[in-house]
Protein backbone atom coordinates (compact mmCIF):
# COMPACT_ATOMS: atom_id res chain seq x y z
CA UNK A 1 0.00 0.00 0.00
CA UNK A 2 1.28 3.45 -0.92
CA UNK A 3 0.63 4.90 2.57
CA UNK A 4 2.78 2.28 4.24
CA UNK A 5 5.60 2.82 1.76
CA UNK A 6 5.61 6.53 2.55
CA UNK A 7 5.56 5.90 6.31
CA UNK A 8 8.38 3.36 6.02
CA UNK A 9 10.54 5.79 4.06
CA UNK A 10 9.91 8.75 6.35
CA UNK A 11 9.62 7.06 9.77
CA UNK A 12 11.19 3.63 9.41
CA UNK A 13 10.00 0.04 9.14
CA UNK A 14 9.03 -0.33 12.81
CA UNK A 15 6.66 2.64 12.59
CA UNK A 16 5.23 1.27 9.36
CA UNK A 17 4.47 -2.06 11.07
CA UNK A 18 2.91 -0.26 14.04
CA UNK A 19 0.67 1.84 11.81
CA UNK A 20 -0.43 -1.23 9.89
CA UNK A 21 -1.40 -2.85 13.20
CA UNK A 22 -3.09 0.15 14.84
CA UNK A 23 -4.87 1.85 11.93
CA UNK A 24 -6.20 -0.73 9.44
CA UNK A 25 -9.38 1.29 8.90
CA UNK A 26 -7.48 4.50 8.11
CA UNK A 27 -5.46 2.64 5.51
CA UNK A 28 -8.66 2.03 3.60
CA UNK A 29 -8.68 5.68 2.51
CA UNK A 30 -5.73 6.22 0.20
CA UNK A 31 -3.31 8.89 1.35
CA UNK A 32 -5.09 9.61 4.65
CA UNK A 33 -2.73 7.99 7.18
CA UNK A 34 0.48 9.16 5.52
CA UNK A 35 -0.95 12.69 5.33
CA UNK A 36 -1.84 12.66 9.04
CA UNK A 37 1.61 11.34 10.00
CA UNK A 38 3.50 13.87 7.88
CA UNK A 39 1.34 16.79 8.99
CA UNK A 40 1.74 15.77 12.65
CA UNK A 41 5.40 14.69 12.85
CA UNK A 42 8.49 15.91 11.10
CA UNK A 43 10.08 12.73 9.64
CA UNK A 44 12.58 10.86 11.80
CA UNK A 45 13.32 7.18 12.28
CA UNK A 46 13.39 7.40 16.08
CA UNK A 47 9.69 8.15 16.52
CA UNK A 48 8.65 4.53 17.00
CA UNK A 49 11.31 3.89 19.64
CA UNK A 50 10.50 7.13 21.46
CA UNK A 51 6.79 6.28 21.59
CA UNK A 52 7.40 2.74 22.84
CA UNK A 53 10.05 3.69 25.41
CA UNK A 54 7.76 6.33 26.87
CA UNK A 55 4.76 3.96 27.02
CA UNK A 56 2.69 6.16 24.72
CA UNK A 57 1.19 3.61 22.34
CA UNK A 58 -2.39 4.21 23.52
CA UNK A 59 -1.94 7.99 23.52
CA UNK A 60 -0.43 7.88 20.04
CA UNK A 61 -3.28 5.74 18.71
CA UNK A 62 -5.87 8.09 20.23
CA UNK A 63 -4.08 11.13 18.82
CA UNK A 64 -4.00 9.78 15.26
CA UNK A 65 -7.60 8.60 15.41
CA UNK A 66 -8.75 12.00 16.66
CA UNK A 67 -6.93 13.62 13.76
CA UNK A 68 -8.66 11.28 11.34
CA UNK A 69 -12.13 11.94 12.72
CA UNK A 70 -11.75 15.66 11.94
CA UNK A 71 -14.10 16.50 14.80
CA UNK A 72 -13.58 18.83 17.71
CA UNK A 73 -13.73 17.61 21.25
CA UNK A 74 -16.84 18.91 23.01
CA UNK A 75 -15.78 22.02 24.93
CA UNK A 76 -17.66 22.60 28.21
CA UNK A 77 -19.61 25.86 28.02
CA UNK A 78 -19.24 28.58 30.62
CA UNK A 79 -21.63 31.17 31.99
CA UNK A 80 -18.98 32.64 34.29
CA UNK A 81 -15.82 34.68 33.81
CA UNK A 82 -12.33 33.16 34.02
CA UNK A 83 -11.87 34.94 37.34
CA UNK A 84 -15.05 33.40 38.75
CA UNK A 85 -14.21 29.90 37.58
CA UNK A 86 -10.62 30.07 38.82
CA UNK A 87 -11.84 31.32 42.19
CA UNK A 88 -13.95 28.16 42.43
CA UNK A 89 -10.78 26.17 41.69
CA UNK A 90 -8.93 28.04 44.44
CA UNK A 91 -7.02 30.49 42.22
CA UNK A 92 -6.77 34.24 41.79
CA UNK A 93 -6.06 35.47 38.24
CA UNK A 94 -3.70 38.30 37.27
CA UNK A 95 -3.30 39.61 33.73
CA UNK A 96 0.15 40.97 32.87
CA UNK A 97 0.06 44.13 30.78
CA UNK A 98 3.76 45.02 31.05
CA UNK A 99 7.12 43.34 31.57
CA UNK A 100 7.13 44.87 35.04
CA UNK A 101 3.92 42.97 35.80
CA UNK A 102 5.60 39.72 34.74
CA UNK A 103 8.71 40.37 36.83
CA UNK A 104 6.58 40.82 39.96
CA UNK A 105 6.25 37.02 40.06
CA UNK A 106 9.93 36.14 39.58
CA UNK A 107 10.67 36.28 43.31
CA UNK A 108 8.18 33.47 43.91
CA UNK A 109 10.21 30.97 41.87
CA UNK A 110 13.17 28.99 43.13
CA UNK A 111 16.38 30.25 41.39
CA UNK A 112 16.79 26.86 39.70
CA UNK A 113 13.18 26.90 38.47
CA UNK A 114 12.99 30.42 37.01
CA UNK A 115 10.96 30.55 33.79
CA UNK A 116 12.53 31.97 30.64
CA UNK A 117 9.40 34.17 30.59
CA UNK A 118 11.22 36.47 33.00
CA UNK A 119 14.33 36.78 30.82
CA UNK A 120 12.72 38.19 27.68
CA UNK A 121 9.96 40.53 26.61
CA UNK A 122 7.34 37.80 26.41
CA UNK A 123 4.47 40.22 25.83
CA UNK A 124 5.74 40.82 22.30
CA UNK A 125 4.73 37.28 21.38
CA UNK A 126 2.25 36.15 24.06
CA UNK A 127 -0.63 37.16 26.26
CA UNK A 128 0.51 36.36 29.79
CA UNK A 129 -1.55 35.57 32.89
CA UNK A 130 -0.58 34.22 36.31
CA UNK A 131 -2.95 32.19 38.47
CA UNK A 132 -2.04 31.58 42.09
CA UNK A 133 -3.51 29.91 45.13
CA UNK A 134 -4.00 31.71 48.42
CA UNK A 135 -1.21 29.88 50.25
CA UNK A 136 1.32 29.64 47.38
CA UNK A 137 3.89 31.84 49.17
CA UNK A 138 3.95 29.48 52.16
CA UNK A 139 5.04 26.50 50.07
CA UNK A 140 8.81 25.95 49.87
CA UNK A 141 10.52 24.25 46.95
CA UNK A 142 12.97 22.45 49.26
CA UNK A 143 10.10 20.54 50.88
CA UNK A 144 9.26 18.80 47.60
CA UNK A 145 12.07 16.28 47.08
CA UNK A 146 10.32 14.31 44.32
CA UNK A 147 8.52 16.93 42.25
CA UNK A 148 5.51 16.10 40.13
CA UNK A 149 4.33 18.67 37.61
CA UNK A 150 0.88 19.24 39.13
CA UNK A 151 1.70 18.54 42.78
CA UNK A 152 0.79 21.06 45.49
CA UNK A 153 3.85 23.22 44.82
CA UNK A 154 3.90 22.90 41.04
CA UNK A 155 0.25 23.88 40.67
CA UNK A 156 0.20 26.59 43.35
CA UNK A 157 1.47 29.22 40.90
CA UNK A 158 0.97 28.76 37.17
CA UNK A 159 1.51 30.97 34.16
CA UNK A 160 -1.18 30.80 31.48
CA UNK A 161 0.10 32.05 28.12
CA UNK A 162 -1.51 32.36 24.68
CA UNK A 163 0.49 33.05 21.53
CA UNK A 164 -0.30 36.31 19.74
CA UNK A 165 -1.43 34.73 16.49
CA UNK A 166 -4.61 33.26 15.08
CA UNK A 167 -3.96 29.89 16.74
CA UNK A 168 -3.75 31.32 20.28
CA UNK A 169 -1.47 28.40 21.10
CA UNK A 170 -1.79 27.71 24.85
CA UNK A 171 0.97 26.96 27.33
CA UNK A 172 0.30 26.42 31.03
CA UNK A 173 3.61 26.64 32.87
CA UNK A 174 4.10 24.80 36.15
CA UNK A 175 5.95 26.40 39.05
CA UNK A 176 8.64 23.85 38.26
CA UNK A 177 10.82 24.33 35.22
CA UNK A 178 13.54 21.80 34.38
CA UNK A 179 12.86 19.57 37.42
CA UNK A 180 9.87 17.86 35.78
CA UNK A 181 9.07 16.56 32.32
CA UNK A 182 7.31 19.09 30.08
CA UNK A 183 6.92 21.78 32.71
CA UNK A 184 5.43 24.03 30.01
CA UNK A 185 2.42 21.73 29.70
CA UNK A 186 0.86 21.73 33.16
CA UNK A 187 -2.66 20.26 33.17
CA UNK A 188 -1.77 18.93 29.67
CA UNK A 189 -2.20 22.51 28.40
CA UNK A 190 -5.96 22.12 28.82
CA UNK A 191 -7.71 24.85 30.81
CA UNK A 192 -10.68 22.57 31.39
CA UNK A 193 -8.42 20.25 33.37
CA UNK A 194 -8.17 23.07 35.92
CA UNK A 195 -11.92 23.55 35.99
CA UNK A 196 -14.53 22.73 33.28
CA UNK A 197 -15.62 25.74 31.25
CA UNK A 198 -12.37 27.68 31.61
CA UNK A 199 -11.44 27.27 27.94
CA UNK A 200 -14.78 28.71 26.85
CA UNK A 201 -14.56 31.50 29.44
CA UNK A 202 -11.16 32.68 28.16
CA UNK A 203 -12.49 32.55 24.60
CA UNK A 204 -15.54 34.68 25.48
CA UNK A 205 -13.93 37.22 27.81
CA UNK A 206 -10.50 37.62 26.25
CA UNK A 207 -11.03 36.41 22.69
CA UNK A 208 -8.56 33.56 23.21
CA UNK A 209 -10.21 31.15 20.80
CA UNK A 210 -7.88 28.15 20.45
CA UNK A 211 -7.67 26.04 17.33
CA UNK A 212 -7.06 22.30 17.14
CA UNK A 213 -7.98 21.72 20.76
CA UNK A 214 -7.90 17.95 20.23
CA UNK A 215 -4.10 18.14 19.95
CA UNK A 216 -3.21 17.00 23.47
CA UNK A 217 -0.57 14.42 22.62
CA UNK A 218 2.94 15.07 23.96
CA UNK A 219 6.16 13.09 23.89
CA UNK A 220 9.43 13.69 25.76
CA UNK A 221 12.14 15.13 23.55
CA UNK A 222 9.68 16.61 21.03
CA UNK A 223 8.37 20.14 20.66
CA UNK A 224 5.42 21.41 18.68
CA UNK A 225 5.37 24.19 16.13
CA UNK A 226 2.52 26.60 15.52
CA UNK A 227 1.14 24.35 12.78
CA UNK A 228 0.86 21.55 15.37
CA UNK A 229 3.68 19.45 13.99
CA UNK A 230 6.06 17.64 16.35
CA UNK A 231 9.82 17.98 15.97
CA UNK A 232 12.47 15.92 17.75
CA UNK A 233 14.89 18.25 19.51
CA UNK A 234 18.34 18.07 21.07
CA UNK A 235 18.25 21.11 23.34
CA UNK A 236 15.65 23.43 24.81
CA UNK A 237 17.23 26.72 25.88
CA UNK A 238 15.27 29.90 26.65
CA UNK A 239 12.15 28.38 25.10
CA UNK A 240 14.02 27.81 21.81
CA UNK A 241 14.28 24.24 20.56
CA UNK A 242 17.35 23.10 18.62
CA UNK A 243 16.10 20.17 16.59
CA UNK A 244 17.50 17.46 14.39
CA UNK A 245 17.87 17.96 10.64
CA UNK A 246 18.99 21.63 10.73
CA UNK A 247 15.77 22.92 12.32
CA UNK A 248 15.27 25.47 15.11
CA UNK A 249 11.79 26.03 16.57
CA UNK A 250 11.42 29.45 18.15
CA UNK A 251 8.09 30.44 19.70
CA UNK A 252 6.31 27.73 17.71
CA UNK A 253 7.84 28.81 14.39
CA UNK A 254 10.06 26.21 12.72
CA UNK A 255 13.09 27.56 10.88
CA UNK A 256 14.85 25.06 8.60
CA UNK A 257 18.36 25.92 7.44
CA UNK A 258 19.67 25.00 4.00
CA UNK A 259 22.05 22.06 4.47
CA UNK A 260 24.20 23.25 1.60
CA UNK A 261 24.89 26.51 3.44
CA UNK A 262 24.51 25.76 7.15
CA UNK A 263 25.11 23.07 9.75
CA UNK A 264 23.02 23.28 12.92
CA UNK A 265 24.68 21.31 15.73
CA UNK A 266 23.99 21.44 19.47
CA UNK A 267 22.82 25.06 19.86
CA UNK A 268 25.15 26.54 17.23
CA UNK A 269 24.84 27.37 13.53
CA UNK A 270 27.94 26.90 11.39
CA UNK A 271 27.73 29.07 8.28
CA UNK A 272 29.53 26.96 5.66
CA UNK A 273 29.62 29.78 3.12
CA UNK A 274 30.93 32.70 5.17
CA UNK A 275 32.82 30.30 7.47
CA UNK A 276 31.44 31.68 10.72
CA UNK A 277 30.00 30.14 13.87
CA UNK A 278 26.71 31.77 14.84
CA UNK A 279 24.59 31.73 17.98
CA UNK A 280 20.87 31.88 17.19
CA UNK A 281 20.10 33.08 20.71
CA UNK A 282 21.90 36.29 21.71
CA UNK A 283 21.32 35.47 25.38
CA UNK A 284 23.73 32.51 25.19
CA UNK A 285 27.39 33.04 26.04
CA UNK A 286 29.71 30.22 25.03
CA UNK A 287 33.49 30.30 24.67
CA UNK A 288 33.29 28.13 21.56
CA UNK A 289 31.87 31.09 19.63
CA UNK A 290 35.00 33.07 20.55
CA UNK A 291 37.33 30.26 19.52
CA UNK A 292 35.76 29.62 16.14
CA UNK A 293 36.37 32.85 14.25
CA UNK A 294 38.61 33.66 11.31
CA UNK A 295 38.03 30.16 9.92
CA UNK A 296 40.16 29.21 6.92
CA UNK A 297 38.54 25.94 5.89
CA UNK A 298 35.68 23.60 6.81
CA UNK A 299 35.70 19.94 5.78
CA UNK A 300 32.84 17.56 6.57
CA UNK A 301 33.48 13.83 6.39
CA UNK A 302 30.26 11.81 6.55
CA UNK A 303 30.19 8.32 8.00
CA UNK A 304 27.33 5.87 8.58
CA UNK A 305 26.19 7.10 12.01
CA UNK A 306 28.52 10.07 12.53
CA UNK A 307 30.18 12.96 10.75
CA UNK A 308 33.48 14.70 11.37
CA UNK A 309 33.67 18.46 11.01
CA UNK A 310 37.28 19.51 10.53
CA UNK A 311 37.74 23.24 11.07
CA UNK A 312 41.07 24.73 10.10
CA UNK A 313 42.08 28.08 11.59
CA UNK A 314 45.28 30.15 11.13
CA UNK A 315 46.52 28.98 14.52
CA UNK A 316 45.40 25.34 14.60
CA UNK A 317 42.62 22.84 14.11
CA UNK A 318 39.36 21.78 15.76
CA UNK A 319 37.68 18.48 14.97
CA UNK A 320 34.05 17.97 15.99
CA UNK A 321 32.54 14.49 15.83
CA UNK A 322 28.75 14.66 15.59
CA UNK A 323 26.23 11.85 16.00
CA UNK A 324 23.30 11.34 13.62
CA UNK A 325 21.31 14.01 15.53
CA UNK A 326 24.15 16.51 15.03
CA UNK A 327 25.11 16.54 18.70
CA UNK A 328 28.79 16.89 19.59
CA UNK A 329 30.10 13.58 20.97
CA UNK A 330 33.83 14.22 20.57
CA UNK A 331 35.87 17.42 20.63
CA UNK A 332 39.52 17.86 19.64
CA UNK A 333 41.52 21.11 19.69
CA UNK A 334 45.27 21.38 19.16
CA UNK A 335 45.98 25.03 20.02
CA UNK A 336 45.71 27.66 22.81
CA UNK A 337 46.52 27.43 26.51
CA UNK A 338 43.25 28.89 27.80
CA UNK A 339 39.54 28.39 27.11
CA UNK A 340 37.13 31.09 28.28
CA UNK A 341 33.91 31.02 30.29
CA UNK A 342 30.86 28.83 29.58
CA UNK A 343 32.58 26.52 27.11
CA UNK A 344 29.93 24.08 25.81
CA UNK A 345 27.86 25.05 28.85
CA UNK A 346 24.65 23.29 27.76
CA UNK A 347 26.19 20.31 25.94
CA UNK A 348 25.01 16.99 27.33
CA UNK A 349 26.18 14.59 24.65
CA UNK A 350 29.98 14.92 24.62
CA UNK A 351 31.72 11.66 25.50
CA UNK A 352 35.34 12.41 24.71
CA UNK A 353 37.37 15.62 24.78
CA UNK A 354 41.01 16.04 23.78
CA UNK A 355 42.76 19.31 24.63
CA UNK A 356 46.53 18.62 24.62
CA UNK A 357 47.64 22.27 24.90
CA UNK A 358 45.09 23.71 27.33
CA UNK A 359 46.46 24.76 30.74
CA UNK A 360 43.45 26.54 32.25
CA UNK A 361 39.72 26.99 31.65
CA UNK A 362 37.18 29.62 32.63
CA UNK A 363 33.97 29.41 34.61
CA UNK A 364 31.31 26.76 34.04
CA UNK A 365 33.39 24.60 31.70
CA UNK A 366 30.93 22.01 30.30
CA UNK A 367 28.63 22.80 33.20
CA UNK A 368 25.63 20.68 32.18
CA UNK A 369 27.47 17.63 30.87
CA UNK A 370 26.76 14.22 32.42
CA UNK A 371 27.83 12.02 29.50
CA UNK A 372 31.63 12.36 29.48
CA UNK A 373 33.44 9.01 29.44
CA UNK A 374 37.05 9.93 28.73
CA UNK A 375 39.26 12.95 28.22
CA UNK A 376 42.84 13.95 27.53
CA UNK A 377 43.88 17.26 29.10
CA UNK A 378 47.46 16.49 30.22
CA UNK A 379 48.51 20.10 30.83
CA UNK A 380 45.41 21.34 32.64
CA UNK A 381 46.46 22.86 35.96
CA UNK A 382 43.72 25.31 36.90
CA UNK A 383 40.01 25.81 36.45
CA UNK A 384 37.29 28.05 37.87
CA UNK A 385 33.92 27.41 39.49
CA UNK A 386 31.40 25.23 37.72
CA UNK A 387 34.01 22.90 36.15
CA UNK A 388 32.03 19.84 34.93
CA UNK A 389 29.53 20.86 37.63
CA UNK A 390 26.90 18.20 36.92
CA UNK A 391 29.38 15.39 36.28
CA UNK A 392 31.64 15.21 39.31
CA UNK A 393 30.36 14.19 42.74
CA UNK A 394 31.73 15.20 45.15
CA UNK A 395 32.54 18.57 43.63
CA UNK A 396 36.17 19.16 42.72
CA UNK A 397 38.36 21.60 44.55
CA UNK A 398 41.84 22.77 43.70
CA UNK A 399 43.24 20.59 46.47
CA UNK A 400 41.96 17.32 45.09
CA UNK A 401 42.19 18.17 41.39
CA UNK A 402 44.46 15.63 39.75
CA UNK A 403 44.22 13.20 36.88
CA UNK A 404 43.98 10.14 39.14
CA UNK A 405 40.98 11.57 40.98
CA UNK A 406 39.17 12.55 37.79
CA UNK A 407 39.87 9.19 36.15
CA UNK A 408 38.48 7.41 39.19
CA UNK A 409 35.42 9.65 39.18
CA UNK A 410 34.80 9.04 35.49
CA UNK A 411 34.97 5.32 36.01
CA UNK A 412 32.41 5.58 38.78
CA UNK A 413 30.11 7.70 36.59
CA UNK A 414 30.52 5.34 33.65
CA UNK A 415 29.38 2.38 35.75
């Protein structure tokens, strides 16, 4: 069948077999199932594995069937305002009309849970509300050792945000941020899960009419664009998603970069024509962007599951080994004695690093990394705070910094 051939080519044989098993009726209508799949998911051959590993087979089947039915879920009607309904649910509602209004709530978030909403002018792209319970200030983050997105703390203060476009894409942000899965989808991004009728009330009172309300499916490691298509991503930083296949999704808009001219890896963009390393997000500081300038030559050697990016500079060479998702898994540099602050700060895929000439590094060197397996830094003698912060336990100090200690620690982490 033509549909299954398309699905096999775009999503792999395992997904093709799953679709044949789950959706025999949909396959009766030529072109229907492949259209739904391609309009719902950007092609990748990991989708089947990601659905199975996250125990989402039933949710996936329901999602596809809802798409096929082309019917809207019945939305509970409301004869009350959002304020009245939220009061019944135990919340007070506050509408933010300025950035100053938004920042009033920052102090109520744990420093490690601060939303990116506070770091940018969100009102340019979204309508922003905060809903809070009467006792939310009494709850302490430290008392919740095993956070759950909608637990007492997570649901005590929520941010309700609608995109400023015709879709009015909804995001309900938990009081947690990175500590829980999909913290930007509290109550499954469904206002009626807070209290029935709230979706209709926001539509009537504020004009926030949402489209495609049946789209409630979510999957770890995937983000959704404004056209309700899922993209597999490598990094989420400041509400920007750096995806596979040269795609960046920013505020629900997917930007795909020409592979002949650009290479998107980790959270960087390598301009192959002008030979420059770019940062899409101006809020990110990373020493790699300071190292990779004045590039003479870029060579890309493609292998079956990896590619090597050989970057030649006037003063030496850098070799990046990327996996099939374009994440850095190996880094080699043969020049310089010092690397500046925030080098590969967000990277959490690097397994091997070779820096034969480096003697010292700046703050937060590979701060987020937990995947390192081996390294070669024979001349390293000093480092500053945040050095491999999330990898080494106990934290390193200058007194116990030596190759034997690090090697022992790496072995422990590897096990």
